Amino acid sequence: MHRVLVAAMLIATADALSLPASASLRAGTSLQAGTSLRAASLRAGTSLQAASDSVDVSDLEVLIEDLDKPLEELTVETRGVEHTQKDGIQDEGCAWTEKAKSVDVVLRIPGLRGQPSGALAVDVTPTSCTVTAFGVAVWSCLLKGKADPAFVFVEISDGAEAIPTIELSVGKAIGASGRWGGFIDVIGEDSIL
């Protein structure tokens, strides 16, 4: 199955680079996924070879051994932005990058404007994230996935336009599988911002 996915990616790359449709597949394994895949030549696991044209895809860093790995082990990062206010204002105050074992987040919550970074704290539980100012919970959210609170790293600094910048690295819980596809599932009802 994984070989089919990677082969499809390589074929799409070859199509994008206008390789002839008559290329044939040589990887030591025949692939079928219910339908015939248009063939592409795979030489030494890292380059596509067609009759007289060739395309070097070594910069993709895909090895034959990678084709047998579960998808969760591949080092694919996804990124996105989300809003931090429950009233529907699209502030894009949450920028996230998801990796296989963690989600890195930068929060810039407009409602915290003027709050000193030293007065803020962040608490992460397996299912939620809460920001406190002077010991009072002022913003919270439910997470899109299950976190491991033992592997949470927080850095809070003064940011541009007097909005503090909160940087988080949240480890995914052991045994939790799949992608989160973001950071914020729902803004907390206790949020006063």
C-alpha atoms as a PDB file:
ATOM      1  CA  MET A   1       0.000   0.000   0.000  1.00  0.00           C
ATOM      2  CA  HIS A   2       2.769   2.435   0.965  1.00  0.00           C
ATOM      3  CA  ARG A   3       4.693   1.536  -2.173  1.00  0.00           C
ATOM      4  CA  VAL A   4       1.610   2.432  -4.199  1.00  0.00           C
ATOM      5  CA  LEU A   5       1.331   5.844  -2.497  1.00  0.00           C
ATOM      6  CA  VAL A   6       4.988   6.717  -2.996  1.00  0.00           C
ATOM      7  CA  ALA A   7       4.953   5.381  -6.556  1.00  0.00           C
ATOM      8  CA  ALA A   8       1.904   7.556  -7.251  1.00  0.00           C
ATOM      9  CA  MET A   9       3.786  10.568  -5.838  1.00  0.00           C
ATOM     10  CA  LEU A  10       6.768   9.822  -8.077  1.00  0.00           C
ATOM     11  CA  ILE A  11       4.517   9.376 -11.103  1.00  0.00           C
ATOM     12  CA  ALA A  12       2.783  12.682 -10.344  1.00  0.00           C
ATOM     13  CA  THR A  13       6.195  14.346 -10.110  1.00  0.00           C
ATOM     14  CA  ALA A  14       7.166  12.826 -13.446  1.00  0.00           C
ATOM     15  CA  ASP A  15       3.864  13.974 -14.992  1.00  0.00           C
ATOM     16  CA  ALA A  16       4.473  17.479 -13.720  1.00  0.00           C
ATOM     17  CA  LEU A  17       7.860  17.438 -15.402  1.00  0.00           C
ATOM     18  CA  SER A  18       6.298  16.167 -18.681  1.00  0.00           C
ATOM     19  CA  LEU A  19       7.857  12.737 -18.901  1.00  0.00           C
ATOM     20  CA  PRO A  20       6.561  10.611 -21.785  1.00  0.00           C
ATOM     21  CA  ALA A  21       3.535   8.446 -20.992  1.00  0.00           C
ATOM     22  CA  SER A  22       5.381   5.337 -22.226  1.00  0.00           C
ATOM     23  CA  ALA A  23       7.733   5.055 -19.239  1.00  0.00           C
ATOM     24  CA  SER A  24       7.867   1.683 -17.509  1.00  0.00           C
ATOM     25  CA  LEU A  25       8.262   0.743 -13.863  1.00  0.00           C
ATOM     26  CA  ARG A  26      11.421  -1.065 -12.725  1.00  0.00           C
ATOM     27  CA  ALA A  27      11.593  -1.335  -8.943  1.00  0.00           C
ATOM     28  CA  GLY A  28      11.653  -5.094  -8.594  1.00  0.00           C
ATOM     29  CA  THR A  29       7.997  -5.168  -7.567  1.00  0.00           C
ATOM     30  CA  SER A  30       4.859  -4.921  -9.628  1.00  0.00           C
ATOM     31  CA  LEU A  31       2.259  -2.555  -8.262  1.00  0.00           C
ATOM     32  CA  GLN A  32      -1.474  -2.778  -8.593  1.00  0.00           C
ATOM     33  CA  ALA A  33      -4.073  -0.819  -6.632  1.00  0.00           C
ATOM     34  CA  GLY A  34      -7.313  -1.920  -8.251  1.00  0.00           C
ATOM     35  CA  THR A  35      -6.476   0.102 -11.357  1.00  0.00           C
ATOM     36  CA  SER A  36      -3.386   0.158 -13.506  1.00  0.00           C
ATOM     37  CA  LEU A  37      -0.906   2.827 -12.641  1.00  0.00           C
ATOM     38  CA  ARG A  38       0.835   4.487 -15.511  1.00  0.00           C
ATOM     39  CA  ALA A  39       4.368   3.238 -15.287  1.00  0.00           C
ATOM     40  CA  ALA A  40       7.444   5.235 -14.486  1.00  0.00           C
ATOM     41  CA  SER A  41      10.960   3.920 -14.400  1.00  0.00           C
ATOM     42  CA  LEU A  42      12.575   3.747 -10.967  1.00  0.00           C
ATOM     43  CA  ARG A  43      16.344   3.343 -11.068  1.00  0.00           C
ATOM     44  CA  ALA A  44      18.308   2.717  -7.846  1.00  0.00           C
ATOM     45  CA  GLY A  45      15.313   3.842  -5.842  1.00  0.00           C
ATOM     46  CA  THR A  46      16.078   7.538  -6.243  1.00  0.00           C
ATOM     47  CA  SER A  47      15.736   8.625  -9.843  1.00  0.00           C
ATOM     48  CA  LEU A  48      13.177   8.311 -12.611  1.00  0.00           C
ATOM     49  CA  GLN A  49      14.466   7.130 -15.991  1.00  0.00           C
ATOM     50  CA  ALA A  50      12.510   7.305 -19.231  1.00  0.00           C
ATOM     51  CA  ALA A  51      13.718   6.296 -22.704  1.00  0.00           C
ATOM     52  CA  SER A  52      16.128   9.175 -23.269  1.00  0.00           C
ATOM     53  CA  ASP A  53      14.855  11.654 -20.669  1.00  0.00           C
ATOM     54  CA  SER A  54      15.728  11.417 -16.994  1.00  0.00           C
ATOM     55  CA  VAL A  55      14.704  13.334 -13.920  1.00  0.00           C
ATOM     56  CA  ASP A  56      16.707  13.296 -10.717  1.00  0.00           C
ATOM     57  CA  VAL A  57      14.383  13.122  -7.692  1.00  0.00           C
ATOM     58  CA  SER A  58      17.104  12.471  -5.109  1.00  0.00           C
ATOM     59  CA  ASP A  59      16.187  15.774  -3.441  1.00  0.00           C
ATOM     60  CA  LEU A  60      12.905  14.104  -2.362  1.00  0.00           C
ATOM     61  CA  GLU A  61      15.027  11.915  -0.078  1.00  0.00           C
ATOM     62  CA  VAL A  62      12.773   8.877  -0.619  1.00  0.00           C
ATOM     63  CA  LEU A  63      14.466   5.511  -0.274  1.00  0.00           C
ATOM     64  CA  ILE A  64      13.110   2.053  -1.070  1.00  0.00           C
ATOM     65  CA  GLU A  65      13.163   1.326   2.695  1.00  0.00           C
ATOM     66  CA  ASP A  66      10.831   4.306   3.231  1.00  0.00           C
ATOM     67  CA  LEU A  67       8.198   2.599   1.114  1.00  0.00           C
ATOM     68  CA  ASP A  68       7.780  -0.100   3.772  1.00  0.00           C
ATOM     69  CA  LYS A  69       7.444   2.283   6.749  1.00  0.00           C
ATOM     70  CA  PRO A  70       4.055   3.126   8.262  1.00  0.00           C
ATOM     71  CA  LEU A  71       2.869   6.575   7.193  1.00  0.00           C
ATOM     72  CA  GLU A  72       3.064   7.848  10.786  1.00  0.00           C
ATOM     73  CA  GLU A  73       6.845   7.371  10.754  1.00  0.00           C
ATOM     74  CA  LEU A  74       7.406   9.612   7.762  1.00  0.00           C
ATOM     75  CA  THR A  75       8.560  13.117   8.652  1.00  0.00           C
ATOM     76  CA  VAL A  76       5.830  15.174   7.047  1.00  0.00           C
ATOM     77  CA  GLU A  77       5.025  18.547   8.585  1.00  0.00           C
ATOM     78  CA  THR A  78       1.702  20.309   8.192  1.00  0.00           C
ATOM     79  CA  ARG A  79       1.053  23.959   8.982  1.00  0.00           C
ATOM     80  CA  GLY A  80      -1.915  26.231   9.430  1.00  0.00           C
ATOM     81  CA  VAL A  81      -3.506  29.139  11.264  1.00  0.00           C
ATOM     82  CA  GLU A  82      -6.655  29.315  13.386  1.00  0.00           C
ATOM     83  CA  HIS A  83      -8.567  32.059  15.132  1.00  0.00           C
ATOM     84  CA  THR A  84      -8.421  32.439  18.922  1.00  0.00           C
ATOM     85  CA  GLN A  85     -11.750  34.182  19.582  1.00  0.00           C
ATOM     86  CA  LYS A  86     -15.058  32.395  20.026  1.00  0.00           C
ATOM     87  CA  ASP A  87     -17.125  35.262  18.607  1.00  0.00           C
ATOM     88  CA  GLY A  88     -16.048  34.339  15.071  1.00  0.00           C
ATOM     89  CA  ILE A  89     -13.508  37.122  14.517  1.00  0.00           C
ATOM     90  CA  GLN A  90     -10.833  35.740  12.207  1.00  0.00           C
ATOM     91  CA  ASP A  91      -7.741  37.007  14.049  1.00  0.00           C
ATOM     92  CA  GLU A  92      -5.473  34.139  12.942  1.00  0.00           C
ATOM     93  CA  GLY A  93      -3.878  34.323  16.388  1.00  0.00           C
ATOM     94  CA  CYS A  94      -2.826  30.663  16.424  1.00  0.00           C
ATOM     95  CA  ALA A  95      -0.148  29.479  13.991  1.00  0.00           C
ATOM     96  CA  TRP A  96       0.682  25.767  14.265  1.00  0.00           C
ATOM     97  CA  THR A  97       3.114  23.273  12.768  1.00  0.00           C
ATOM     98  CA  GLU A  98       2.344  19.606  13.260  1.00  0.00           C
ATOM     99  CA  LYS A  99       5.037  16.944  13.238  1.00  0.00           C
ATOM    100  CA  ALA A 100       4.779  13.202  13.803  1.00  0.00           C
ATOM    101  CA  LYS A 101       5.219  13.439  17.588  1.00  0.00           C
ATOM    102  CA  SER A 102       4.420  17.061  18.461  1.00  0.00           C
ATOM    103  CA  VAL A 103       2.556  20.225  17.576  1.00  0.00           C
ATOM    104  CA  ASP A 104       4.420  23.549  17.742  1.00  0.00           C
ATOM    105  CA  VAL A 105       2.160  26.552  18.314  1.00  0.00           C
ATOM    106  CA  VAL A 106       2.561  30.332  18.383  1.00  0.00           C
ATOM    107  CA  LEU A 107      -0.362  32.090  20.101  1.00  0.00           C
ATOM    108  CA  ARG A 108      -0.913  35.839  19.734  1.00  0.00           C
ATOM    109  CA  ILE A 109      -4.265  36.411  21.410  1.00  0.00           C
ATOM    110  CA  PRO A 110      -5.472  39.990  20.783  1.00  0.00           C
ATOM    111  CA  GLY A 111      -7.377  40.039  24.082  1.00  0.00           C
ATOM    112  CA  LEU A 112      -4.059  39.831  25.951  1.00  0.00           C
ATOM    113  CA  ARG A 113      -2.917  43.190  24.547  1.00  0.00           C
ATOM    114  CA  GLY A 114      -1.012  45.128  27.218  1.00  0.00           C
ATOM    115  CA  GLN A 115      -0.557  42.180  29.598  1.00  0.00           C
ATOM    116  CA  PRO A 116       3.059  41.770  30.721  1.00  0.00           C
ATOM    117  CA  SER A 117       4.534  38.470  29.561  1.00  0.00           C
ATOM    118  CA  GLY A 118       5.785  37.800  33.104  1.00  0.00           C
ATOM    119  CA  ALA A 119       2.193  37.770  34.394  1.00  0.00           C
ATOM    120  CA  LEU A 120       1.090  35.028  31.981  1.00  0.00           C
ATOM    121  CA  ALA A 121       1.190  31.274  32.415  1.00  0.00           C
ATOM    122  CA  VAL A 122       0.053  28.336  30.289  1.00  0.00           C
ATOM    123  CA  ASP A 123      -1.271  25.008  31.535  1.00  0.00           C
ATOM    124  CA  VAL A 124      -1.746  22.063  29.178  1.00  0.00           C
ATOM    125  CA  THR A 125      -3.724  18.960  30.134  1.00  0.00           C
ATOM    126  CA  PRO A 126      -4.225  15.938  27.875  1.00  0.00           C
ATOM    127  CA  THR A 127      -7.277  17.594  26.304  1.00  0.00           C
ATOM    128  CA  SER A 128      -7.019  21.370  26.920  1.00  0.00           C
ATOM    129  CA  CYS A 129      -4.813  24.450  27.011  1.00  0.00           C
ATOM    130  CA  THR A 130      -5.430  27.331  29.458  1.00  0.00           C
ATOM    131  CA  VAL A 131      -3.766  30.759  29.561  1.00  0.00           C
ATOM    132  CA  THR A 132      -3.816  32.630  32.864  1.00  0.00           C
ATOM    133  CA  ALA A 133      -3.023  36.289  33.562  1.00  0.00           C
ATOM    134  CA  PHE A 134      -2.124  37.160  37.156  1.00  0.00           C
ATOM    135  CA  GLY A 135      -3.402  33.707  38.176  1.00  0.00           C
ATOM    136  CA  VAL A 136      -6.848  34.088  36.579  1.00  0.00           C
ATOM    137  CA  ALA A 137      -7.855  31.889  33.624  1.00  0.00           C
ATOM    138  CA  VAL A 138      -8.553  34.269  30.742  1.00  0.00           C
ATOM    139  CA  TRP A 139      -8.432  31.995  27.670  1.00  0.00           C
ATOM    140  CA  SER A 140      -8.724  28.278  27.065  1.00  0.00           C
ATOM    141  CA  CYS A 141      -9.382  25.767  24.335  1.00  0.00           C
ATOM    142  CA  LEU A 142      -9.958  22.080  23.809  1.00  0.00           C
ATOM    143  CA  LEU A 143      -7.203  20.440  21.795  1.00  0.00           C
ATOM    144  CA  LYS A 144      -7.768  18.604  18.517  1.00  0.00           C
ATOM    145  CA  GLY A 145      -5.788  15.620  19.788  1.00  0.00           C
ATOM    146  CA  LYS A 146      -4.557  14.066  23.010  1.00  0.00           C
ATOM    147  CA  ALA A 147      -1.443  15.727  24.470  1.00  0.00           C
ATOM    148  CA  ASP A 148       1.217  14.468  26.859  1.00  0.00           C
ATOM    149  CA  PRO A 149       1.542  17.191  29.555  1.00  0.00           C
ATOM    150  CA  ALA A 150       4.997  15.857  30.514  1.00  0.00           C
ATOM    151  CA  PHE A 151       6.300  16.954  27.108  1.00  0.00           C
ATOM    152  CA  VAL A 152       5.055  20.539  26.930  1.00  0.00           C
ATOM    153  CA  PHE A 153       7.507  23.398  26.546  1.00  0.00           C
ATOM    154  CA  VAL A 154       6.357  27.010  26.902  1.00  0.00           C
ATOM    155  CA  GLU A 155       8.063  30.324  26.185  1.00  0.00           C
ATOM    156  CA  ILE A 156       6.232  33.623  26.696  1.00  0.00           C
ATOM    157  CA  SER A 157       7.656  36.920  25.471  1.00  0.00           C
ATOM    158  CA  ASP A 158       6.548  40.487  24.806  1.00  0.00           C
ATOM    159  CA  GLY A 159       5.379  40.728  21.225  1.00  0.00           C
ATOM    160  CA  ALA A 160       4.652  43.326  18.584  1.00  0.00           C
ATOM    161  CA  GLU A 161       1.733  45.719  19.091  1.00  0.00           C
ATOM    162  CA  ALA A 162       1.817  44.970  22.854  1.00  0.00           C
ATOM    163  CA  ILE A 163       0.367  41.475  22.269  1.00  0.00           C
ATOM    164  CA  PRO A 164       2.348  38.802  24.144  1.00  0.00           C
ATOM    165  CA  THR A 165       3.709  35.910  22.083  1.00  0.00           C
ATOM    166  CA  ILE A 166       3.175  32.443  23.567  1.00  0.00           C
ATOM    167  CA  GLU A 167       5.236  29.673  21.973  1.00  0.00           C
ATOM    168  CA  LEU A 168       4.310  26.090  22.802  1.00  0.00           C
ATOM    169  CA  SER A 169       5.663  22.712  21.822  1.00  0.00           C
ATOM    170  CA  VAL A 170       3.071  20.121  22.785  1.00  0.00           C
ATOM    171  CA  GLY A 171       4.038  16.450  22.679  1.00  0.00           C
ATOM    172  CA  LYS A 172       1.423  14.013  21.442  1.00  0.00           C
ATOM    173  CA  ALA A 173       0.306  11.373  23.936  1.00  0.00           C
ATOM    174  CA  ILE A 174       1.949   7.966  23.605  1.00  0.00           C
ATOM    175  CA  GLY A 175      -0.392   5.603  21.821  1.00  0.00           C
ATOM    176  CA  ALA A 176      -2.341   8.442  20.235  1.00  0.00           C
ATOM    177  CA  SER A 177      -2.279   8.008  16.499  1.00  0.00           C
ATOM    178  CA  GLY A 178      -3.046  10.124  13.530  1.00  0.00           C
ATOM    179  CA  ARG A 179      -2.787  13.763  12.720  1.00  0.00           C
ATOM    180  CA  TRP A 180      -4.418  16.511  14.757  1.00  0.00           C
ATOM    181  CA  GLY A 181      -4.901  18.742  11.747  1.00  0.00           C
ATOM    182  CA  GLY A 182      -4.607  21.857  13.893  1.00  0.00           C
ATOM    183  CA  PHE A 183      -4.392  22.863  17.551  1.00  0.00           C
ATOM    184  CA  ILE A 184      -7.704  24.420  18.635  1.00  0.00           C
ATOM    185  CA  ASP A 185     -10.782  22.217  18.501  1.00  0.00           C
ATOM    186  CA  VAL A 186     -13.125  24.561  20.412  1.00  0.00           C
ATOM    187  CA  ILE A 187     -12.510  27.809  22.286  1.00  0.00           C
ATOM    188  CA  GLY A 188     -13.299  27.309  25.981  1.00  0.00           C
ATOM    189  CA  GLU A 189     -16.520  28.636  27.462  1.00  0.00           C
ATOM    190  CA  ASP A 190     -14.565  30.089  30.385  1.00  0.00           C
ATOM    191  CA  SER A 191     -12.556  32.325  28.050  1.00  0.00           C
ATOM    192  CA  ILE A 192     -13.184  35.940  28.944  1.00  0.00           C
ATOM    193  CA  LEU A 193     -11.263  37.411  26.017  1.00  0.00           C
END
